Protein backbone atom coordinates (compact mmCIF):
# COMPACT_ATOMS: atom_id res chain seq x y z
CA MET A 1 258.34 -156.14 102.31
CA ARG A 2 255.15 -153.41 101.37
CA ASN A 3 257.29 -150.55 103.38
CA ILE A 4 260.55 -152.67 102.17
CA TRP A 5 259.24 -152.56 98.28
CA ALA A 6 257.54 -148.75 99.06
CA PHE A 7 261.63 -148.16 100.09
CA ALA A 8 262.56 -149.40 96.60
CA TRP A 9 260.06 -147.85 94.66
CA GLY A 10 260.29 -144.55 95.67
CA ALA A 11 264.80 -144.96 96.01
CA LEU A 12 263.93 -145.03 92.09
CA VAL A 13 261.42 -142.97 91.54
CA GLY A 14 263.95 -140.31 93.62
CA ILE A 15 266.74 -140.94 91.80
CA LEU A 16 264.30 -140.14 87.90
CA GLY A 17 263.26 -136.69 89.74
CA GLY A 18 266.75 -135.82 90.46
CA LEU A 19 268.22 -135.91 87.86
CA ILE A 20 266.05 -133.28 85.97
CA GLY A 21 264.32 -131.76 89.39
CA LEU A 22 261.47 -133.00 89.49
CA GLY A 23 259.57 -135.37 92.54
CA GLY A 24 258.80 -137.57 91.02
CA ALA A 25 255.54 -137.78 91.68
CA GLU A 26 254.39 -139.22 88.28
CA PHE A 27 256.72 -141.74 87.88
CA ARG A 28 255.10 -142.24 91.70
CA LEU A 29 251.63 -142.32 91.25
CA PRO A 30 251.16 -145.28 88.64
CA VAL A 31 253.35 -147.51 90.79
CA LEU A 32 250.84 -146.47 93.90
CA VAL A 33 247.00 -147.33 92.45
CA SER A 34 248.13 -150.26 89.95
CA ILE A 35 250.96 -151.89 92.26
CA PHE A 36 249.48 -151.15 95.56
CA ASN A 37 246.29 -151.16 95.52
CA TYR A 38 245.83 -147.63 96.01
CA ARG A 39 242.52 -145.55 95.01
CA THR A 40 242.95 -142.84 93.54
CA LEU A 41 242.21 -140.23 96.15
CA GLN A 42 243.78 -142.38 98.71
CA ALA A 43 247.26 -142.15 95.64
CA ILE A 44 247.08 -138.44 94.99
CA ILE A 45 247.27 -137.31 98.86
CA ILE A 46 249.98 -140.20 99.83
CA ASN A 47 251.68 -138.75 96.41
CA LEU A 48 251.67 -134.86 97.20
CA ILE A 49 253.74 -135.97 100.76
CA VAL A 50 256.21 -138.50 99.79
CA SER A 51 256.24 -135.50 96.60
CA LEU A 52 256.91 -132.80 99.17
CA ILE A 53 259.40 -134.50 100.55
CA THR A 54 260.75 -135.70 97.22
CA VAL A 55 261.20 -131.93 96.30
CA THR A 56 262.57 -130.39 99.39
CA PHE A 57 265.97 -132.68 99.33
CA SER A 58 265.89 -132.47 95.62
CA PHE A 59 266.54 -129.20 96.36
CA ILE A 60 268.78 -129.06 98.78
CA PHE A 61 271.56 -131.99 96.88
CA ARG A 62 270.86 -129.70 93.45
CA SER A 63 272.12 -126.80 95.37
CA GLY A 64 275.27 -127.95 95.54
CA VAL A 65 276.11 -128.41 92.17
CA ILE A 66 273.18 -125.52 90.21
CA GLY A 67 274.13 -123.53 93.14
CA LEU A 68 271.30 -121.26 95.34
CA GLU A 69 273.20 -117.68 93.71
CA ASN A 70 271.46 -119.29 90.35
CA VAL A 71 268.98 -119.69 91.75
CA PHE A 72 267.64 -116.87 93.52
CA ALA A 73 269.50 -114.77 90.82
CA ASN A 74 266.38 -115.58 89.44
CA LEU A 75 263.15 -114.84 92.44
CA THR A 76 261.54 -112.83 89.67
CA VAL A 77 260.13 -115.89 87.73
CA ILE A 78 260.04 -117.83 90.96
CA ILE A 79 258.01 -115.50 92.24
CA ASN A 80 255.93 -114.65 88.82
CA ILE A 81 255.33 -118.62 87.91
CA LEU A 82 254.50 -119.04 92.39
CA ALA A 83 251.46 -116.77 92.15
CA GLY A 84 249.63 -118.64 89.51
CA SER A 85 250.64 -121.29 91.29
CA LEU A 86 249.26 -121.65 94.73
CA ILE A 87 245.95 -120.15 93.29
CA GLY A 88 246.00 -123.02 91.37
CA SER A 89 245.89 -125.41 93.98
CA TYR A 90 244.01 -124.10 96.02
CA ILE A 91 241.64 -124.24 93.28
CA GLY A 92 242.72 -127.67 92.02
CA VAL A 93 241.76 -129.34 95.17
CA ASN A 94 237.92 -129.04 94.61
CA TYR A 95 237.26 -130.40 91.22
CA ALA A 96 239.46 -134.19 92.81
CA THR A 97 237.77 -134.45 95.49
CA LYS A 98 234.09 -134.02 94.20
CA ILE A 99 234.80 -135.67 90.80
CA ASN A 100 234.25 -139.78 90.69
CA GLU A 101 236.72 -141.92 91.01
CA ARG A 102 236.84 -143.45 87.63
CA THR A 103 236.25 -139.36 85.77
CA LEU A 104 239.40 -138.21 88.04
CA ASN A 105 241.15 -141.76 87.02
CA ARG A 106 241.48 -141.16 83.23
CA ILE A 107 242.39 -137.34 83.71
CA VAL A 108 245.52 -139.24 85.38
CA VAL A 109 246.11 -141.76 82.36
CA VAL A 110 245.26 -138.38 79.50
CA PHE A 111 247.79 -136.51 81.81
CA LEU A 112 250.54 -139.48 81.35
CA PHE A 113 250.29 -139.38 78.35
CA PHE A 114 250.83 -135.84 78.24
CA LEU A 115 253.70 -135.24 79.96
CA SER A 116 255.50 -138.98 78.07
CA PHE A 117 254.61 -136.73 74.57
CA ILE A 118 256.40 -133.29 75.90
CA LEU A 119 259.41 -135.59 77.46
CA ILE A 120 260.18 -137.72 74.88
CA GLY A 121 259.82 -134.22 72.56
CA HIS A 122 261.52 -132.96 74.25
CA HIS A 123 264.82 -131.67 72.16
CA LEU A 124 262.14 -130.73 69.47
CA ILE A 125 260.65 -128.77 71.54
CA PHE A 126 263.69 -127.19 73.19
CA SER A 127 265.35 -127.00 70.32
CA PHE A 128 263.15 -123.72 69.51
CA GLN A 129 264.75 -120.56 70.56
CA SER A 130 262.76 -118.70 73.79
CA LEU A 131 260.46 -116.57 72.79
CA GLN A 132 260.81 -113.14 72.45
CA LEU A 133 258.58 -111.40 74.04
CA PRO A 134 257.68 -107.87 76.36
CA SER A 135 258.35 -108.34 79.86
CA PHE A 136 254.15 -107.35 80.85
CA LEU A 137 254.17 -110.26 78.50
CA LYS A 138 256.19 -112.92 80.07
CA ILE A 139 254.59 -112.00 83.82
CA ALA A 140 250.46 -112.20 82.22
CA ILE A 141 252.63 -116.24 80.99
CA GLY A 142 253.89 -117.33 83.58
CA PHE A 143 251.49 -116.23 85.84
CA LEU A 144 248.73 -117.85 83.74
CA ALA A 145 251.08 -121.20 83.15
CA GLY A 146 251.55 -121.40 87.26
CA ILE A 147 247.18 -121.39 87.71
CA VAL A 148 247.02 -124.50 85.71
CA ILE A 149 250.01 -125.90 87.15
CA GLY A 150 248.54 -125.81 90.76
CA ILE A 151 245.73 -127.00 89.56
CA PHE A 152 246.75 -130.30 88.04
CA SER A 153 249.42 -129.81 90.65
CA SER A 154 247.01 -130.44 93.73
CA MET A 155 244.20 -132.54 91.70
CA LEU A 156 247.07 -135.43 90.61
CA GLY A 157 249.03 -134.85 93.39
CA VAL A 158 252.57 -133.91 91.07
CA ALA A 159 254.85 -131.05 92.42
CA GLY A 160 254.24 -130.21 88.09
CA GLY A 161 257.60 -129.64 87.16
CA GLU A 162 257.02 -130.94 83.20
CA LEU A 163 255.14 -128.18 83.04
CA ILE A 164 257.25 -125.99 84.90
CA ILE A 165 260.82 -126.36 83.66
CA PRO A 166 259.21 -125.96 79.52
CA THR A 167 257.61 -122.72 80.58
CA ILE A 168 260.71 -121.25 82.53
CA ILE A 169 262.54 -122.13 79.46
CA LEU A 170 260.96 -120.94 76.36
CA VAL A 171 259.25 -117.93 78.59
CA PHE A 172 262.02 -116.70 80.88
CA ALA A 173 264.89 -118.17 78.80
CA ILE A 174 266.91 -119.88 81.18
CA ASP A 175 269.15 -123.57 80.51
CA ILE A 176 267.77 -126.70 81.47
CA LYS A 177 269.94 -127.70 84.45
CA LEU A 178 269.02 -124.01 86.25
CA ALA A 179 265.10 -124.35 85.52
CA GLY A 180 265.40 -127.56 86.71
CA SER A 181 265.83 -126.11 90.33
CA LEU A 182 263.54 -123.13 89.76
CA SER A 183 261.23 -125.20 89.35
CA LEU A 184 261.86 -127.71 92.46
CA ALA A 185 261.84 -123.84 94.60
CA ILE A 186 258.09 -122.89 93.17
CA SER A 187 257.35 -127.30 93.45
CA ILE A 188 257.34 -127.07 96.66
CA PRO A 189 254.92 -124.50 98.27
CA THR A 190 252.40 -125.67 95.58
CA ILE A 191 252.53 -129.37 97.12
CA ILE A 192 251.86 -127.69 100.47
CA MET A 193 249.03 -125.26 99.54
CA GLY A 194 247.42 -128.62 97.77
CA LEU A 195 248.34 -130.56 101.07
CA PHE A 196 247.11 -127.68 103.10
CA LYS A 197 243.69 -127.49 101.29
CA TYR A 198 243.42 -131.28 101.37
CA ARG A 199 243.70 -130.92 105.37
CA SER A 200 241.59 -128.24 105.30
CA GLN A 201 239.00 -131.20 103.96
CA GLN A 202 240.04 -133.18 106.40
CA ARG A 203 241.38 -135.37 103.47
CA LEU A 204 244.24 -136.69 105.01
CA GLN A 205 242.27 -139.20 107.12
CA GLU A 206 242.21 -141.08 104.07
CA VAL A 207 245.82 -142.24 104.17
CA LYS A 208 246.10 -141.78 108.28
CA SER A 209 246.02 -145.49 107.95
CA GLU A 210 249.21 -145.80 105.87
CA GLN A 211 252.36 -144.11 107.99
CA ILE A 212 254.74 -146.98 107.34
CA PHE A 213 254.02 -147.03 104.35
CA ILE A 214 254.62 -143.79 103.48
CA VAL A 215 257.39 -142.54 105.54
CA SER A 216 259.14 -146.05 103.82
CA MET A 217 259.07 -144.49 100.70
CA ALA A 218 259.50 -141.08 101.58
CA PHE A 219 263.33 -142.69 103.28
CA GLY A 220 263.74 -144.32 99.97
CA SER A 221 263.26 -140.90 98.04
CA ILE A 222 265.45 -138.41 99.94
CA ILE A 223 268.41 -142.09 99.03
CA GLY A 224 267.29 -142.14 95.33
CA ALA A 225 267.17 -137.42 95.27
CA LEU A 226 270.98 -137.65 96.71
CA ILE A 227 271.75 -140.14 93.83
CA GLY A 228 270.16 -138.73 91.33
CA SER A 229 271.81 -135.93 91.98
CA ILE A 230 275.72 -136.59 92.21
CA PHE A 231 274.46 -137.54 88.52
CA LEU A 232 273.61 -134.75 87.41
CA ARG A 233 277.02 -133.24 87.04
CA TYR A 234 277.14 -136.66 84.54
CA VAL A 235 274.39 -136.72 82.93
CA THR A 236 272.86 -135.35 79.37
CA ASN A 237 269.23 -133.57 79.88
CA SER A 238 269.00 -134.72 75.63
CA TRP A 239 268.85 -139.04 76.20
CA LEU A 240 267.07 -138.50 80.08
CA TYR A 241 264.02 -136.79 78.80
CA VAL A 242 263.48 -139.41 76.22
CA ILE A 243 263.89 -142.63 78.51
CA LEU A 244 261.77 -140.95 81.05
CA GLY A 245 259.23 -140.48 78.79
CA VAL A 246 259.22 -143.32 77.32
CA ILE A 247 258.52 -145.29 81.51
CA LEU A 248 255.57 -142.12 81.86
CA LEU A 249 254.05 -143.54 78.51
CA LEU A 250 254.23 -147.08 80.00
CA SER A 251 253.23 -145.84 83.48
CA ALA A 252 250.33 -144.39 81.70
CA PHE A 253 249.13 -147.14 80.41
CA LYS A 254 249.86 -149.57 82.90
CA LEU A 255 247.43 -147.44 85.12
CA ALA A 256 244.52 -147.39 82.15
CA LYS A 257 243.75 -150.68 82.76
CA HIS A 258 243.66 -149.96 86.34
CA LYS A 259 239.55 -150.19 87.48
CA PRO A 260 238.38 -148.62 89.99
CA ALA A 261 235.44 -148.96 92.18
CA ALA A 262 232.93 -146.58 89.63
């Protein structure tokens, strides 16, 4: 029954992620901790594994809607942010594996609250025109933003799409749906870097016994990502972000009530 629920939650989160170009990790993390009772670090590692699968298939499925040619046309944007995110991802694992479990849990809660406000207020944020910046400044901002995104990705087991997408839109003046696909392209190697660093520290052993659970949730996420990508043609993002923001806010409250070991 536990693996069936893992599949169901994976599918639900996959749908939410597939719609807007996210791995859905921000929604999955509270579920892993509060419902399935994983320790925060275990949840983060499982989240990264499932996120990698979700992000990869979301990118593939969305390509039929967005078009790979449009993604490759913005390869410089991907490389720009990715260069920083890989560095940040490598740095973030060191913090995640050394700090107290309670402290890490608090960071997760704060991050979730922060993302919820970004989602709920996205129509206000994105209503501003993209910043008119010289090329060298765009590159610098993209690189620095990538470092921050990479740190949060590996520390919290998320792909960082809610930070990547606004960066792409505001700094590089790219449409929100295309920004979602660019975000997925950036997230794939960023997550791989985080997992590689956890593996080098032999932290993946902590979830070795959860292989069936991970496969069940990952398979559900693939199905959900496919459904979400199909809906992408018909669903507008304005009201969707607000709904997702509310869900994320509720998830943050739920996670805040969870009491991890000291």
